[in-house]
N, C-alpha and C. Protein backbone atom coordinates (compact mmCIF):
# COMPACT_ATOMS: atom_id res chain seq x y z
N MET A 1 0.84 -1.17 0.00
CA MET A 1 0.00 0.00 0.00
C MET A 1 0.89 1.23 0.00
N ARG A 2 0.52 2.20 -0.84
CA ARG A 2 1.29 3.43 -0.91
C ARG A 2 1.05 4.30 0.30
N PRO A 3 2.01 5.14 0.67
CA PRO A 3 1.79 6.04 1.81
C PRO A 3 0.72 7.06 1.48
N PHE A 4 0.06 7.56 2.51
CA PHE A 4 -1.01 8.55 2.36
C PHE A 4 -0.43 9.87 1.87
N THR A 5 -1.02 10.42 0.83
CA THR A 5 -0.61 11.73 0.33
C THR A 5 -1.82 12.63 0.30
N TYR A 6 -1.60 13.90 0.41
CA TYR A 6 -2.69 14.84 0.34
C TYR A 6 -2.54 15.67 -0.91
N PRO A 7 -3.54 15.98 -1.64
CA PRO A 7 -4.90 15.55 -1.39
C PRO A 7 -5.09 14.10 -1.83
N PRO A 8 -5.85 13.34 -1.05
CA PRO A 8 -6.06 11.95 -1.43
C PRO A 8 -6.94 11.85 -2.66
N THR A 9 -6.67 10.91 -3.49
CA THR A 9 -7.48 10.70 -4.68
C THR A 9 -8.55 9.67 -4.38
N ARG A 10 -9.56 9.63 -5.23
CA ARG A 10 -10.59 8.61 -5.06
C ARG A 10 -9.98 7.22 -5.14
N ALA A 11 -8.98 7.06 -6.02
CA ALA A 11 -8.33 5.76 -6.13
C ALA A 11 -7.65 5.38 -4.83
N ALA A 12 -7.06 6.35 -4.14
CA ALA A 12 -6.40 6.07 -2.87
C ALA A 12 -7.42 5.62 -1.83
N PHE A 13 -8.57 6.29 -1.81
CA PHE A 13 -9.62 5.89 -0.86
C PHE A 13 -10.12 4.48 -1.18
N ARG A 14 -10.32 4.21 -2.48
CA ARG A 14 -10.79 2.88 -2.85
C ARG A 14 -9.77 1.81 -2.47
N ALA A 15 -8.49 2.12 -2.70
CA ALA A 15 -7.44 1.15 -2.38
C ALA A 15 -7.41 0.86 -0.88
N ARG A 16 -7.56 1.92 -0.06
CA ARG A 16 -7.56 1.72 1.39
C ARG A 16 -8.78 0.93 1.83
N ARG A 17 -9.92 1.23 1.21
CA ARG A 17 -11.13 0.51 1.56
C ARG A 17 -11.00 -0.96 1.16
N ALA A 18 -10.44 -1.22 -0.02
CA ALA A 18 -10.28 -2.59 -0.50
C ALA A 18 -9.28 -3.37 0.36
N ALA A 19 -8.37 -2.66 1.01
CA ALA A 19 -7.34 -3.33 1.81
C ALA A 19 -7.84 -3.79 3.16
N ARG A 20 -9.05 -3.37 3.54
CA ARG A 20 -9.60 -3.80 4.83
C ARG A 20 -9.76 -5.32 4.81
N PRO A 21 -9.43 -5.96 5.88
CA PRO A 21 -9.49 -7.43 5.89
C PRO A 21 -10.92 -7.95 5.78
N LEU A 22 -11.06 -8.98 4.98
CA LEU A 22 -12.35 -9.63 4.81
C LEU A 22 -12.80 -10.29 6.11
N ALA A 23 -11.87 -10.70 6.92
CA ALA A 23 -12.20 -11.38 8.17
C ALA A 23 -13.07 -10.51 9.07
N ALA A 24 -12.81 -9.21 9.10
CA ALA A 24 -13.61 -8.31 9.95
C ALA A 24 -15.06 -8.32 9.50
N ALA A 25 -15.28 -8.33 8.20
CA ALA A 25 -16.65 -8.37 7.70
C ALA A 25 -17.31 -9.69 8.03
N LEU A 26 -16.57 -10.79 7.90
CA LEU A 26 -17.14 -12.10 8.19
C LEU A 26 -17.46 -12.27 9.67
N LEU A 27 -16.62 -11.70 10.53
CA LEU A 27 -16.85 -11.80 11.96
C LEU A 27 -18.09 -11.02 12.40
N SER A 28 -18.45 -9.98 11.66
CA SER A 28 -19.60 -9.17 12.05
C SER A 28 -20.92 -9.78 11.61
N LEU A 29 -20.91 -10.76 10.72
CA LEU A 29 -22.15 -11.35 10.24
C LEU A 29 -23.00 -11.97 11.35
N PRO A 30 -22.42 -12.75 12.28
CA PRO A 30 -23.27 -13.29 13.36
C PRO A 30 -23.90 -12.20 14.21
N LEU A 31 -23.20 -11.11 14.44
CA LEU A 31 -23.76 -10.01 15.23
C LEU A 31 -24.92 -9.36 14.50
N LEU A 32 -24.80 -9.23 13.20
CA LEU A 32 -25.85 -8.63 12.41
C LEU A 32 -27.11 -9.48 12.45
N ALA A 33 -26.94 -10.79 12.44
CA ALA A 33 -28.09 -11.69 12.47
C ALA A 33 -28.82 -11.60 13.80
N MET A 34 -28.09 -11.29 14.88
CA MET A 34 -28.71 -11.20 16.20
C MET A 34 -29.39 -9.86 16.44
N ALA A 35 -29.07 -8.85 15.66
CA ALA A 35 -29.63 -7.52 15.87
C ALA A 35 -31.11 -7.51 15.51
N PRO A 36 -31.91 -6.72 16.24
CA PRO A 36 -33.32 -6.63 15.89
C PRO A 36 -33.48 -6.00 14.52
N SER A 37 -34.51 -6.39 13.81
CA SER A 37 -34.67 -5.92 12.43
C SER A 37 -34.84 -4.42 12.35
N ALA A 38 -35.45 -3.77 13.33
CA ALA A 38 -35.63 -2.32 13.28
C ALA A 38 -34.30 -1.60 13.30
N ALA A 39 -33.29 -2.18 13.94
CA ALA A 39 -31.98 -1.54 13.99
C ALA A 39 -31.31 -1.54 12.63
N ARG A 40 -31.77 -2.40 11.75
CA ARG A 40 -31.17 -2.46 10.42
C ARG A 40 -32.01 -1.73 9.39
N ALA A 41 -33.02 -1.01 9.80
CA ALA A 41 -33.88 -0.30 8.86
C ALA A 41 -33.06 0.69 8.05
N VAL A 42 -33.37 0.78 6.78
CA VAL A 42 -32.60 1.62 5.88
C VAL A 42 -32.63 3.08 6.31
N ASP A 43 -33.75 3.56 6.80
CA ASP A 43 -33.86 4.97 7.12
C ASP A 43 -33.16 5.37 8.42
N THR A 44 -32.63 4.42 9.16
CA THR A 44 -31.97 4.78 10.41
C THR A 44 -30.45 4.76 10.29
N ILE A 45 -29.92 4.18 9.24
CA ILE A 45 -28.47 4.09 9.07
C ILE A 45 -28.07 4.95 7.88
N THR A 46 -27.20 5.91 8.11
CA THR A 46 -26.78 6.79 7.03
C THR A 46 -25.58 6.25 6.28
N SER A 47 -24.75 5.47 6.93
CA SER A 47 -23.58 4.92 6.28
C SER A 47 -23.14 3.68 7.04
N LYS A 48 -22.69 2.67 6.29
CA LYS A 48 -22.28 1.42 6.92
C LYS A 48 -21.01 1.59 7.73
N ASP A 49 -20.13 2.44 7.28
CA ASP A 49 -18.82 2.55 7.94
C ASP A 49 -18.67 3.84 8.74
N ALA A 50 -19.78 4.50 9.06
CA ALA A 50 -19.72 5.76 9.78
C ALA A 50 -19.38 5.54 11.26
N PRO A 51 -18.48 6.33 11.79
CA PRO A 51 -18.20 6.24 13.23
C PRO A 51 -19.33 6.91 14.02
N ASP A 52 -19.35 6.68 15.32
CA ASP A 52 -20.34 7.31 16.18
C ASP A 52 -19.95 8.78 16.37
N LEU A 53 -20.77 9.67 15.87
CA LEU A 53 -20.49 11.10 15.95
C LEU A 53 -21.39 11.82 16.95
N THR A 54 -21.99 11.07 17.84
CA THR A 54 -22.91 11.66 18.83
C THR A 54 -22.20 12.71 19.69
N GLY A 55 -21.01 12.38 20.19
CA GLY A 55 -20.25 13.30 21.05
C GLY A 55 -19.88 14.59 20.34
N PRO A 56 -19.23 14.51 19.18
CA PRO A 56 -18.88 15.74 18.48
C PRO A 56 -20.10 16.58 18.08
N ARG A 57 -21.18 15.91 17.68
CA ARG A 57 -22.38 16.67 17.30
C ARG A 57 -22.98 17.38 18.51
N ALA A 58 -22.93 16.76 19.67
CA ALA A 58 -23.42 17.41 20.89
C ALA A 58 -22.57 18.63 21.22
N LYS A 59 -21.27 18.50 21.05
CA LYS A 59 -20.38 19.64 21.31
C LYS A 59 -20.64 20.77 20.32
N ILE A 60 -20.90 20.42 19.07
CA ILE A 60 -21.22 21.45 18.07
C ILE A 60 -22.52 22.15 18.44
N ARG A 61 -23.55 21.39 18.84
CA ARG A 61 -24.81 22.02 19.27
C ARG A 61 -24.59 22.95 20.45
N ALA A 62 -23.64 22.60 21.33
CA ALA A 62 -23.32 23.43 22.49
C ALA A 62 -22.34 24.55 22.14
N LYS A 63 -21.99 24.65 20.87
CA LYS A 63 -21.04 25.67 20.37
C LYS A 63 -19.64 25.50 20.94
N ASP A 64 -19.30 24.28 21.32
CA ASP A 64 -17.95 23.94 21.77
C ASP A 64 -17.19 23.40 20.55
N TYR A 65 -16.86 24.30 19.65
CA TYR A 65 -16.25 23.89 18.39
C TYR A 65 -14.84 23.35 18.58
N GLN A 66 -14.10 23.90 19.53
CA GLN A 66 -12.75 23.40 19.81
C GLN A 66 -12.82 21.96 20.32
N GLY A 67 -13.74 21.70 21.24
CA GLY A 67 -13.90 20.35 21.78
C GLY A 67 -14.37 19.36 20.71
N ALA A 68 -15.29 19.81 19.86
CA ALA A 68 -15.77 18.95 18.77
C ALA A 68 -14.63 18.63 17.82
N TYR A 69 -13.85 19.64 17.48
CA TYR A 69 -12.72 19.41 16.56
C TYR A 69 -11.72 18.42 17.17
N ALA A 70 -11.44 18.55 18.46
CA ALA A 70 -10.49 17.64 19.11
C ALA A 70 -10.98 16.19 19.03
N GLU A 71 -12.27 15.97 19.29
CA GLU A 71 -12.83 14.62 19.20
C GLU A 71 -12.78 14.10 17.77
N LEU A 72 -13.14 14.97 16.83
CA LEU A 72 -13.16 14.57 15.43
C LEU A 72 -11.76 14.25 14.92
N ALA A 73 -10.77 15.01 15.38
CA ALA A 73 -9.39 14.75 14.96
C ALA A 73 -8.94 13.36 15.40
N LYS A 74 -9.36 12.95 16.60
CA LYS A 74 -9.04 11.59 17.07
C LYS A 74 -9.74 10.55 16.20
N LEU A 75 -10.99 10.81 15.85
CA LEU A 75 -11.73 9.88 14.99
C LEU A 75 -11.09 9.78 13.60
N ALA A 76 -10.58 10.90 13.12
CA ALA A 76 -9.96 10.92 11.78
C ALA A 76 -8.71 10.04 11.73
N ASP A 77 -8.10 9.80 12.88
CA ASP A 77 -6.94 8.90 12.90
C ASP A 77 -7.35 7.46 12.58
N THR A 78 -8.60 7.12 12.89
CA THR A 78 -9.09 5.76 12.70
C THR A 78 -9.99 5.63 11.48
N TYR A 79 -10.81 6.64 11.23
CA TYR A 79 -11.82 6.57 10.18
C TYR A 79 -11.51 7.54 9.05
N THR A 80 -11.63 7.05 7.84
CA THR A 80 -11.57 7.89 6.66
C THR A 80 -13.02 8.01 6.19
N HIS A 81 -13.68 9.07 6.63
CA HIS A 81 -15.12 9.17 6.39
C HIS A 81 -15.51 10.62 6.12
N ALA A 82 -16.37 10.82 5.13
CA ALA A 82 -16.79 12.16 4.74
C ALA A 82 -17.47 12.91 5.88
N ASP A 83 -18.26 12.22 6.70
CA ASP A 83 -18.95 12.89 7.81
C ASP A 83 -17.94 13.47 8.80
N VAL A 84 -16.89 12.72 9.08
CA VAL A 84 -15.85 13.20 10.02
C VAL A 84 -15.19 14.45 9.46
N TYR A 85 -14.78 14.39 8.19
CA TYR A 85 -14.08 15.53 7.58
C TYR A 85 -15.00 16.75 7.45
N SER A 86 -16.27 16.51 7.11
CA SER A 86 -17.21 17.61 6.97
C SER A 86 -17.41 18.34 8.31
N LEU A 87 -17.56 17.56 9.37
CA LEU A 87 -17.75 18.18 10.69
C LEU A 87 -16.46 18.84 11.20
N MET A 88 -15.31 18.29 10.81
CA MET A 88 -14.05 18.96 11.17
C MET A 88 -14.00 20.33 10.49
N GLY A 89 -14.37 20.36 9.21
CA GLY A 89 -14.42 21.63 8.49
C GLY A 89 -15.40 22.60 9.11
N PHE A 90 -16.58 22.09 9.50
CA PHE A 90 -17.59 22.93 10.12
C PHE A 90 -17.05 23.55 11.41
N SER A 91 -16.44 22.72 12.25
CA SER A 91 -15.90 23.23 13.52
C SER A 91 -14.84 24.29 13.28
N LEU A 92 -13.95 24.03 12.34
CA LEU A 92 -12.89 25.00 12.03
C LEU A 92 -13.48 26.29 11.45
N ARG A 93 -14.50 26.17 10.61
CA ARG A 93 -15.13 27.37 10.03
C ARG A 93 -15.76 28.21 11.12
N LYS A 94 -16.40 27.56 12.08
CA LYS A 94 -17.01 28.30 13.18
C LYS A 94 -15.96 28.97 14.06
N MET A 95 -14.73 28.43 14.05
CA MET A 95 -13.62 29.06 14.78
C MET A 95 -12.89 30.06 13.89
N ARG A 96 -13.45 30.31 12.70
CA ARG A 96 -12.91 31.26 11.71
C ARG A 96 -11.54 30.86 11.16
N ASP A 97 -11.24 29.58 11.16
CA ASP A 97 -10.02 29.05 10.54
C ASP A 97 -10.42 28.56 9.15
N TYR A 98 -10.64 29.51 8.25
CA TYR A 98 -11.22 29.21 6.95
C TYR A 98 -10.32 28.35 6.06
N ASP A 99 -9.02 28.57 6.11
CA ASP A 99 -8.11 27.79 5.25
C ASP A 99 -8.14 26.31 5.62
N ARG A 100 -8.04 26.01 6.90
CA ARG A 100 -8.08 24.61 7.32
C ARG A 100 -9.46 24.01 7.12
N ALA A 101 -10.51 24.80 7.33
CA ALA A 101 -11.88 24.31 7.10
C ALA A 101 -12.04 23.91 5.63
N LEU A 102 -11.54 24.74 4.74
CA LEU A 102 -11.61 24.45 3.30
C LEU A 102 -10.93 23.12 2.99
N THR A 103 -9.79 22.88 3.61
CA THR A 103 -9.05 21.63 3.40
C THR A 103 -9.91 20.43 3.78
N TYR A 104 -10.59 20.50 4.92
CA TYR A 104 -11.40 19.36 5.35
C TYR A 104 -12.67 19.19 4.54
N TYR A 105 -13.27 20.29 4.09
CA TYR A 105 -14.42 20.15 3.21
C TYR A 105 -14.01 19.46 1.91
N GLN A 106 -12.84 19.84 1.39
CA GLN A 106 -12.35 19.21 0.16
C GLN A 106 -12.05 17.73 0.39
N LYS A 107 -11.51 17.39 1.56
CA LYS A 107 -11.28 15.97 1.86
C LYS A 107 -12.60 15.21 1.92
N ALA A 108 -13.61 15.81 2.53
CA ALA A 108 -14.93 15.16 2.59
C ALA A 108 -15.47 14.92 1.18
N LEU A 109 -15.31 15.90 0.32
CA LEU A 109 -15.83 15.77 -1.05
C LEU A 109 -14.96 14.85 -1.89
N ASP A 110 -13.68 14.73 -1.56
CA ASP A 110 -12.83 13.74 -2.24
C ASP A 110 -13.34 12.34 -1.92
N TYR A 111 -13.78 12.15 -0.70
CA TYR A 111 -14.26 10.85 -0.26
C TYR A 111 -15.68 10.59 -0.78
N ASP A 112 -16.53 11.61 -0.77
CA ASP A 112 -17.92 11.48 -1.21
C ASP A 112 -18.33 12.78 -1.90
N ALA A 113 -18.24 12.79 -3.21
CA ALA A 113 -18.52 14.01 -3.98
C ALA A 113 -19.96 14.47 -3.84
N ASP A 114 -20.86 13.59 -3.41
CA ASP A 114 -22.27 13.94 -3.25
C ASP A 114 -22.67 14.17 -1.79
N HIS A 115 -21.72 14.48 -0.95
CA HIS A 115 -22.01 14.71 0.47
C HIS A 115 -22.70 16.07 0.61
N LYS A 116 -24.00 16.03 0.88
CA LYS A 116 -24.79 17.26 0.94
C LYS A 116 -24.33 18.20 2.04
N GLY A 117 -23.99 17.66 3.20
CA GLY A 117 -23.53 18.50 4.31
C GLY A 117 -22.26 19.25 3.95
N ALA A 118 -21.31 18.57 3.37
CA ALA A 118 -20.05 19.22 2.99
C ALA A 118 -20.29 20.28 1.92
N ARG A 119 -21.20 19.99 0.98
CA ARG A 119 -21.53 20.99 -0.06
C ARG A 119 -22.15 22.24 0.57
N GLU A 120 -23.08 22.03 1.50
CA GLU A 120 -23.70 23.18 2.16
C GLU A 120 -22.67 23.98 2.93
N TYR A 121 -21.88 23.30 3.76
CA TYR A 121 -20.92 23.99 4.62
C TYR A 121 -19.85 24.69 3.80
N LEU A 122 -19.41 24.07 2.71
CA LEU A 122 -18.43 24.71 1.84
C LEU A 122 -19.04 25.97 1.22
N GLY A 123 -20.29 25.87 0.80
CA GLY A 123 -20.97 27.05 0.27
C GLY A 123 -21.07 28.15 1.31
N GLU A 124 -21.35 27.79 2.56
CA GLU A 124 -21.43 28.78 3.63
C GLU A 124 -20.05 29.40 3.91
N LEU A 125 -19.00 28.60 3.79
CA LEU A 125 -17.65 29.16 3.94
C LEU A 125 -17.42 30.21 2.86
N TYR A 126 -17.81 29.89 1.63
CA TYR A 126 -17.64 30.85 0.54
C TYR A 126 -18.46 32.11 0.78
N VAL A 127 -19.67 31.97 1.32
CA VAL A 127 -20.49 33.14 1.65
C VAL A 127 -19.77 33.99 2.69
N GLU A 128 -19.28 33.35 3.75
CA GLU A 128 -18.63 34.07 4.84
C GLU A 128 -17.35 34.76 4.39
N THR A 129 -16.72 34.25 3.35
CA THR A 129 -15.47 34.85 2.87
C THR A 129 -15.69 35.70 1.62
N GLY A 130 -16.97 35.99 1.31
CA GLY A 130 -17.29 36.92 0.22
C GLY A 130 -17.14 36.35 -1.18
N ARG A 131 -17.17 35.03 -1.32
CA ARG A 131 -17.04 34.40 -2.65
C ARG A 131 -18.38 33.82 -3.06
N LEU A 132 -19.30 34.71 -3.40
CA LEU A 132 -20.67 34.29 -3.70
C LEU A 132 -20.77 33.44 -4.96
N ALA A 133 -19.94 33.69 -5.95
CA ALA A 133 -19.98 32.88 -7.17
C ALA A 133 -19.66 31.42 -6.85
N GLN A 134 -18.68 31.21 -6.00
CA GLN A 134 -18.32 29.84 -5.62
C GLN A 134 -19.40 29.23 -4.73
N ALA A 135 -20.04 30.04 -3.90
CA ALA A 135 -21.15 29.55 -3.08
C ALA A 135 -22.29 29.09 -3.98
N ARG A 136 -22.55 29.84 -5.04
CA ARG A 136 -23.62 29.46 -5.98
C ARG A 136 -23.28 28.16 -6.71
N GLU A 137 -21.99 27.90 -6.94
CA GLU A 137 -21.59 26.63 -7.54
C GLU A 137 -21.97 25.47 -6.62
N GLN A 138 -21.75 25.64 -5.32
CA GLN A 138 -22.12 24.60 -4.37
C GLN A 138 -23.65 24.43 -4.32
N LEU A 139 -24.37 25.54 -4.45
CA LEU A 139 -25.82 25.49 -4.49
C LEU A 139 -26.29 24.72 -5.73
N ALA A 140 -25.60 24.91 -6.85
CA ALA A 140 -25.95 24.17 -8.07
C ALA A 140 -25.75 22.67 -7.87
N HIS A 141 -24.69 22.29 -7.17
CA HIS A 141 -24.48 20.87 -6.85
C HIS A 141 -25.63 20.35 -5.99
N LEU A 142 -26.03 21.13 -5.00
CA LEU A 142 -27.13 20.71 -4.12
C LEU A 142 -28.45 20.63 -4.89
N ALA A 143 -28.65 21.52 -5.84
CA ALA A 143 -29.87 21.48 -6.64
C ALA A 143 -29.91 20.18 -7.46
N ARG A 144 -28.76 19.73 -7.91
CA ARG A 144 -28.68 18.47 -8.65
C ARG A 144 -28.90 17.28 -7.72
N LEU A 145 -28.34 17.37 -6.50
CA LEU A 145 -28.46 16.25 -5.54
C LEU A 145 -29.86 16.12 -4.97
N CYS A 146 -30.54 17.24 -4.77
CA CYS A 146 -31.90 17.18 -4.22
C CYS A 146 -32.79 18.15 -4.98
N PRO A 147 -33.23 17.74 -6.17
CA PRO A 147 -34.03 18.63 -7.02
C PRO A 147 -35.37 19.04 -6.41
N LYS A 148 -35.91 18.25 -5.51
CA LYS A 148 -37.18 18.59 -4.86
C LYS A 148 -36.95 19.39 -3.58
N GLY A 149 -35.70 19.68 -3.29
CA GLY A 149 -35.37 20.44 -2.09
C GLY A 149 -34.89 19.56 -0.96
N CYS A 150 -34.07 20.13 -0.12
CA CYS A 150 -33.57 19.47 1.08
C CYS A 150 -33.08 20.56 2.02
N GLU A 151 -32.88 20.20 3.26
CA GLU A 151 -32.47 21.17 4.28
C GLU A 151 -31.17 21.86 3.90
N GLU A 152 -30.19 21.10 3.41
CA GLU A 152 -28.89 21.67 3.06
C GLU A 152 -29.03 22.72 1.96
N ARG A 153 -29.84 22.41 0.97
CA ARG A 153 -30.06 23.35 -0.14
C ARG A 153 -30.76 24.62 0.36
N GLU A 154 -31.79 24.44 1.16
CA GLU A 154 -32.54 25.59 1.68
C GLU A 154 -31.67 26.49 2.55
N ASP A 155 -30.84 25.88 3.41
CA ASP A 155 -29.97 26.66 4.28
C ASP A 155 -28.96 27.47 3.47
N LEU A 156 -28.38 26.85 2.44
CA LEU A 156 -27.41 27.58 1.63
C LEU A 156 -28.09 28.67 0.81
N GLU A 157 -29.28 28.41 0.31
CA GLU A 157 -30.04 29.44 -0.42
C GLU A 157 -30.27 30.66 0.47
N LYS A 158 -30.65 30.42 1.74
CA LYS A 158 -30.89 31.51 2.68
C LYS A 158 -29.60 32.30 2.95
N ALA A 159 -28.49 31.59 3.13
CA ALA A 159 -27.21 32.25 3.41
C ALA A 159 -26.78 33.12 2.23
N ILE A 160 -26.96 32.61 1.01
CA ILE A 160 -26.59 33.37 -0.19
C ILE A 160 -27.50 34.59 -0.33
N ALA A 161 -28.79 34.40 -0.12
CA ALA A 161 -29.74 35.51 -0.24
C ALA A 161 -29.43 36.60 0.79
N ALA A 162 -29.12 36.19 2.01
CA ALA A 162 -28.80 37.18 3.05
C ALA A 162 -27.53 37.94 2.70
N ALA A 163 -26.54 37.24 2.18
CA ALA A 163 -25.28 37.91 1.80
C ALA A 163 -25.49 38.85 0.62
N ALA A 164 -26.30 38.41 -0.33
CA ALA A 164 -26.58 39.25 -1.52
C ALA A 164 -27.36 40.50 -1.13
N ALA A 165 -28.19 40.38 -0.09
CA ALA A 165 -28.98 41.53 0.39
C ALA A 165 -28.16 42.43 1.30
N GLY A 166 -26.94 42.01 1.62
CA GLY A 166 -26.07 42.80 2.47
C GLY A 166 -26.34 42.65 3.95
N LYS A 167 -26.96 41.57 4.36
CA LYS A 167 -27.27 41.37 5.79
C LYS A 167 -26.14 40.71 6.50
């Protein structure tokens, strides 16, 4: 396996994912069979390989962005996941560290180009830094991802409209 380089390519992510041992997947099958069927419902699981982000999300809701970032950074050592990178970017953006936030949003999108949260947050970063044209590009991606509307699209539309109105 090649050493990790930044920015990681999709091929690098695929190679790392493919390198995971098959034994781990086989060992989890008996546990899956014992789980109640409601726990496996499609609408309750957002990603098969997502880490537990309950702690960092609680810190973000409490506006403890430094604490959330610290927890997420530890998770990033173990998990290569778009949700982790997107929330790291969010925490950094709220701490006004726009350059590092941009890096993590891009990492999230390298891992999952259709990650709605990362698209919204990246668009909001562009709004906050006065780059409305780039924010509108992220809005166009969200319009493609959720043509009937979604929370991420609506939030970014509101942020762009407020910035355009000078609020």
